[in-house]
């Protein structure tokens, strides 16, 4: 994990890293944010993990996350792929 200079984060910010999470400099993040580069199962396109499988038995998928410089993530913001 790499966090750039002059980043500010509110309380209860949780970052889960299996692969790589990079946050550029001068970023501002509100409280109660969860950032994760991993998940139990996959849920996109035609590839969906069955909800019948308990989370601990699902394959872990991971992909790097990059948040650029001078980014502001505040309440009611949506980030889409």
N, C-alpha and C. Protein backbone atom coordinates (compact mmCIF):
# COMPACT_ATOMS: atom_id res chain seq x y z
N UNK A 1 0.85 -1.17 0.00
CA UNK A 1 0.00 0.00 0.00
C UNK A 1 0.90 1.23 0.00
N UNK A 2 0.50 2.22 -0.76
CA UNK A 2 1.26 3.46 -0.85
C UNK A 2 0.26 4.63 -0.76
N UNK A 3 0.51 5.52 0.20
CA UNK A 3 -0.33 6.71 0.37
C UNK A 3 0.55 7.93 0.16
N UNK A 4 0.16 8.80 -0.78
CA UNK A 4 0.94 9.98 -1.12
C UNK A 4 0.95 11.03 0.00
N UNK A 5 1.81 12.00 -0.16
CA UNK A 5 1.97 13.08 0.82
C UNK A 5 0.71 13.93 0.93
N UNK A 6 0.49 14.46 2.11
CA UNK A 6 -0.57 15.42 2.37
C UNK A 6 -1.98 14.85 2.17
N UNK A 7 -2.16 13.56 2.44
CA UNK A 7 -3.50 12.95 2.37
C UNK A 7 -4.18 13.07 3.73
N UNK A 8 -5.45 13.33 3.72
CA UNK A 8 -6.24 13.44 4.95
C UNK A 8 -7.39 12.45 4.89
N UNK A 9 -7.58 11.69 5.97
CA UNK A 9 -8.67 10.73 6.04
C UNK A 9 -9.43 10.92 7.34
N UNK A 10 -10.75 10.83 7.25
CA UNK A 10 -11.58 10.91 8.44
C UNK A 10 -11.46 9.63 9.26
N UNK A 11 -12.25 9.56 10.32
CA UNK A 11 -12.21 8.37 11.17
C UNK A 11 -12.94 7.20 10.51
N UNK A 12 -12.64 6.02 10.97
CA UNK A 12 -13.25 4.78 10.47
C UNK A 12 -13.04 4.54 8.98
N UNK A 13 -11.85 4.88 8.47
CA UNK A 13 -11.48 4.54 7.10
C UNK A 13 -10.78 3.19 7.16
N UNK A 14 -11.30 2.21 6.42
CA UNK A 14 -10.74 0.86 6.41
C UNK A 14 -10.21 0.57 5.01
N UNK A 15 -8.96 0.11 4.93
CA UNK A 15 -8.36 -0.24 3.64
C UNK A 15 -7.87 -1.68 3.74
N UNK A 16 -8.41 -2.54 2.88
CA UNK A 16 -8.04 -3.96 2.84
C UNK A 16 -7.20 -4.20 1.59
N UNK A 17 -5.99 -4.74 1.77
CA UNK A 17 -5.06 -4.90 0.65
C UNK A 17 -4.56 -6.33 0.54
N UNK A 18 -4.80 -6.96 -0.61
CA UNK A 18 -4.18 -8.26 -0.94
C UNK A 18 -3.21 -8.08 -2.10
N UNK A 19 -3.53 -7.21 -3.03
CA UNK A 19 -2.74 -6.98 -4.24
C UNK A 19 -1.98 -5.66 -4.10
N UNK A 20 -2.67 -4.53 -4.35
CA UNK A 20 -2.03 -3.22 -4.27
C UNK A 20 -3.09 -2.12 -4.22
N UNK A 21 -2.94 -1.20 -3.29
CA UNK A 21 -3.77 0.00 -3.22
C UNK A 21 -2.81 1.19 -3.20
N UNK A 22 -3.00 2.10 -4.15
CA UNK A 22 -2.17 3.28 -4.25
C UNK A 22 -3.06 4.51 -4.20
N UNK A 23 -2.72 5.46 -3.35
CA UNK A 23 -3.48 6.70 -3.22
C UNK A 23 -2.51 7.85 -3.47
N UNK A 24 -2.84 8.69 -4.45
CA UNK A 24 -1.96 9.81 -4.80
C UNK A 24 -1.94 10.89 -3.74
N UNK A 25 -1.08 11.86 -3.93
CA UNK A 25 -0.91 12.95 -2.95
C UNK A 25 -2.11 13.90 -2.95
N UNK A 26 -2.25 14.61 -1.85
CA UNK A 26 -3.28 15.65 -1.69
C UNK A 26 -4.71 15.14 -1.80
N UNK A 27 -4.97 13.95 -1.30
CA UNK A 27 -6.32 13.39 -1.35
C UNK A 27 -7.05 13.63 -0.03
N UNK A 28 -8.33 13.83 -0.11
CA UNK A 28 -9.18 14.04 1.06
C UNK A 28 -10.27 12.98 1.05
N UNK A 29 -10.40 12.25 2.16
CA UNK A 29 -11.42 11.21 2.27
C UNK A 29 -12.23 11.42 3.54
N UNK A 30 -13.53 11.32 3.41
CA UNK A 30 -14.43 11.48 4.54
C UNK A 30 -14.34 10.28 5.48
N UNK A 31 -15.10 10.30 6.54
CA UNK A 31 -15.18 9.18 7.49
C UNK A 31 -15.98 8.03 6.90
N UNK A 32 -15.83 6.86 7.51
CA UNK A 32 -16.63 5.67 7.17
C UNK A 32 -16.48 5.23 5.72
N UNK A 33 -15.25 5.16 5.23
CA UNK A 33 -14.97 4.70 3.87
C UNK A 33 -14.32 3.33 3.95
N UNK A 34 -14.72 2.43 3.04
CA UNK A 34 -14.12 1.11 2.94
C UNK A 34 -13.54 0.95 1.54
N UNK A 35 -12.24 0.68 1.46
CA UNK A 35 -11.55 0.47 0.19
C UNK A 35 -10.96 -0.93 0.23
N UNK A 36 -11.26 -1.75 -0.77
CA UNK A 36 -10.76 -3.12 -0.78
C UNK A 36 -10.37 -3.53 -2.19
N UNK A 37 -9.20 -4.11 -2.34
CA UNK A 37 -8.78 -4.61 -3.64
C UNK A 37 -9.09 -6.10 -3.78
N UNK A 38 -9.90 -6.63 -2.87
CA UNK A 38 -10.22 -8.06 -2.88
C UNK A 38 -11.66 -8.29 -2.48
N UNK A 39 -12.19 -9.43 -2.91
CA UNK A 39 -13.57 -9.79 -2.57
C UNK A 39 -13.73 -11.30 -2.63
N UNK A 40 -14.68 -11.81 -1.89
CA UNK A 40 -15.01 -13.24 -1.91
C UNK A 40 -16.04 -13.47 -3.00
N UNK A 41 -15.62 -14.06 -4.10
CA UNK A 41 -16.52 -14.30 -5.22
C UNK A 41 -16.41 -13.19 -6.25
N UNK A 42 -17.10 -13.39 -7.36
CA UNK A 42 -17.09 -12.39 -8.43
C UNK A 42 -18.54 -12.08 -8.81
N UNK A 43 -18.80 -10.82 -9.15
CA UNK A 43 -20.17 -10.37 -9.39
C UNK A 43 -20.23 -9.39 -10.55
N UNK A 44 -19.77 -9.80 -11.72
CA UNK A 44 -19.85 -8.91 -12.89
C UNK A 44 -20.11 -9.73 -14.13
N UNK A 45 -20.81 -9.12 -15.07
CA UNK A 45 -21.12 -9.79 -16.32
C UNK A 45 -21.89 -11.08 -16.08
N UNK A 46 -21.53 -12.10 -16.83
CA UNK A 46 -22.18 -13.40 -16.68
C UNK A 46 -21.54 -14.24 -15.58
N UNK A 47 -20.42 -13.78 -15.08
CA UNK A 47 -19.70 -14.54 -14.05
C UNK A 47 -20.15 -14.05 -12.67
N UNK A 48 -20.96 -14.87 -12.03
CA UNK A 48 -21.47 -14.52 -10.70
C UNK A 48 -21.32 -15.72 -9.77
N UNK A 49 -20.77 -15.48 -8.60
CA UNK A 49 -20.64 -16.54 -7.60
C UNK A 49 -21.99 -16.77 -6.96
N UNK A 50 -22.33 -18.00 -6.76
CA UNK A 50 -23.62 -18.35 -6.17
C UNK A 50 -23.70 -17.87 -4.72
N UNK A 51 -24.82 -17.24 -4.35
CA UNK A 51 -25.00 -16.83 -2.95
C UNK A 51 -25.18 -18.02 -2.01
N UNK A 52 -25.37 -19.21 -2.60
CA UNK A 52 -25.49 -20.43 -1.80
C UNK A 52 -24.15 -20.83 -1.17
N UNK A 53 -23.05 -20.36 -1.76
CA UNK A 53 -21.72 -20.67 -1.24
C UNK A 53 -21.39 -19.67 -0.13
N UNK A 54 -21.03 -20.17 1.04
CA UNK A 54 -20.68 -19.26 2.14
C UNK A 54 -19.43 -18.48 1.77
N UNK A 55 -19.30 -17.20 2.20
CA UNK A 55 -18.18 -16.35 1.80
C UNK A 55 -16.80 -16.99 1.99
N UNK A 56 -16.59 -17.69 3.09
CA UNK A 56 -15.27 -18.27 3.33
C UNK A 56 -14.90 -19.36 2.33
N UNK A 57 -15.89 -19.94 1.63
CA UNK A 57 -15.63 -20.98 0.64
C UNK A 57 -15.52 -20.44 -0.78
N UNK A 58 -15.76 -19.15 -0.97
CA UNK A 58 -15.67 -18.55 -2.29
C UNK A 58 -14.23 -18.21 -2.63
N UNK A 59 -13.89 -18.26 -3.90
CA UNK A 59 -12.57 -17.87 -4.36
C UNK A 59 -12.37 -16.38 -4.10
N UNK A 60 -11.18 -15.99 -3.69
CA UNK A 60 -10.88 -14.58 -3.47
C UNK A 60 -10.37 -13.98 -4.78
N UNK A 61 -11.05 -12.93 -5.23
CA UNK A 61 -10.63 -12.20 -6.42
C UNK A 61 -9.96 -10.92 -5.97
N UNK A 62 -8.91 -10.53 -6.68
CA UNK A 62 -8.17 -9.32 -6.32
C UNK A 62 -7.73 -8.56 -7.56
N UNK A 63 -7.67 -7.26 -7.43
CA UNK A 63 -7.19 -6.39 -8.51
C UNK A 63 -6.72 -5.08 -7.88
N UNK A 64 -5.66 -4.54 -8.42
CA UNK A 64 -5.07 -3.31 -7.87
C UNK A 64 -6.03 -2.13 -7.97
N UNK A 65 -5.89 -1.20 -7.03
CA UNK A 65 -6.69 0.03 -7.02
C UNK A 65 -5.72 1.21 -7.05
N UNK A 66 -6.02 2.20 -7.90
CA UNK A 66 -5.25 3.43 -7.93
C UNK A 66 -6.20 4.61 -7.82
N UNK A 67 -5.99 5.42 -6.81
CA UNK A 67 -6.75 6.66 -6.64
C UNK A 67 -5.75 7.78 -6.92
N UNK A 68 -6.05 8.60 -7.92
CA UNK A 68 -5.11 9.62 -8.38
C UNK A 68 -4.87 10.75 -7.39
N UNK A 69 -4.12 11.74 -7.83
CA UNK A 69 -3.78 12.89 -7.00
C UNK A 69 -4.95 13.88 -6.94
N UNK A 70 -5.00 14.64 -5.86
CA UNK A 70 -5.98 15.72 -5.68
C UNK A 70 -7.42 15.23 -5.79
N UNK A 71 -7.70 14.06 -5.25
CA UNK A 71 -9.03 13.47 -5.29
C UNK A 71 -9.74 13.73 -3.98
N UNK A 72 -11.03 14.01 -4.07
CA UNK A 72 -11.86 14.26 -2.91
C UNK A 72 -12.98 13.22 -2.90
N UNK A 73 -13.01 12.35 -1.89
CA UNK A 73 -14.07 11.34 -1.78
C UNK A 73 -14.87 11.69 -0.54
N UNK A 74 -16.06 12.20 -0.76
CA UNK A 74 -16.91 12.67 0.33
C UNK A 74 -18.26 11.95 0.27
N UNK A 75 -19.13 12.15 1.26
CA UNK A 75 -20.43 11.47 1.25
C UNK A 75 -21.19 11.70 -0.06
N UNK A 76 -21.92 10.67 -0.46
CA UNK A 76 -22.78 10.68 -1.65
C UNK A 76 -22.01 10.73 -2.97
N UNK A 77 -20.71 10.41 -2.95
CA UNK A 77 -19.92 10.36 -4.18
C UNK A 77 -19.97 8.92 -4.70
N UNK A 78 -20.14 8.76 -6.00
CA UNK A 78 -20.12 7.44 -6.63
C UNK A 78 -18.91 7.34 -7.54
N UNK A 79 -18.18 6.26 -7.42
CA UNK A 79 -17.03 6.00 -8.28
C UNK A 79 -17.38 4.75 -9.08
N UNK A 80 -17.40 4.87 -10.38
CA UNK A 80 -17.79 3.73 -11.23
C UNK A 80 -16.63 3.32 -12.10
N UNK A 81 -16.67 2.04 -12.47
CA UNK A 81 -15.62 1.53 -13.37
C UNK A 81 -16.05 1.65 -14.80
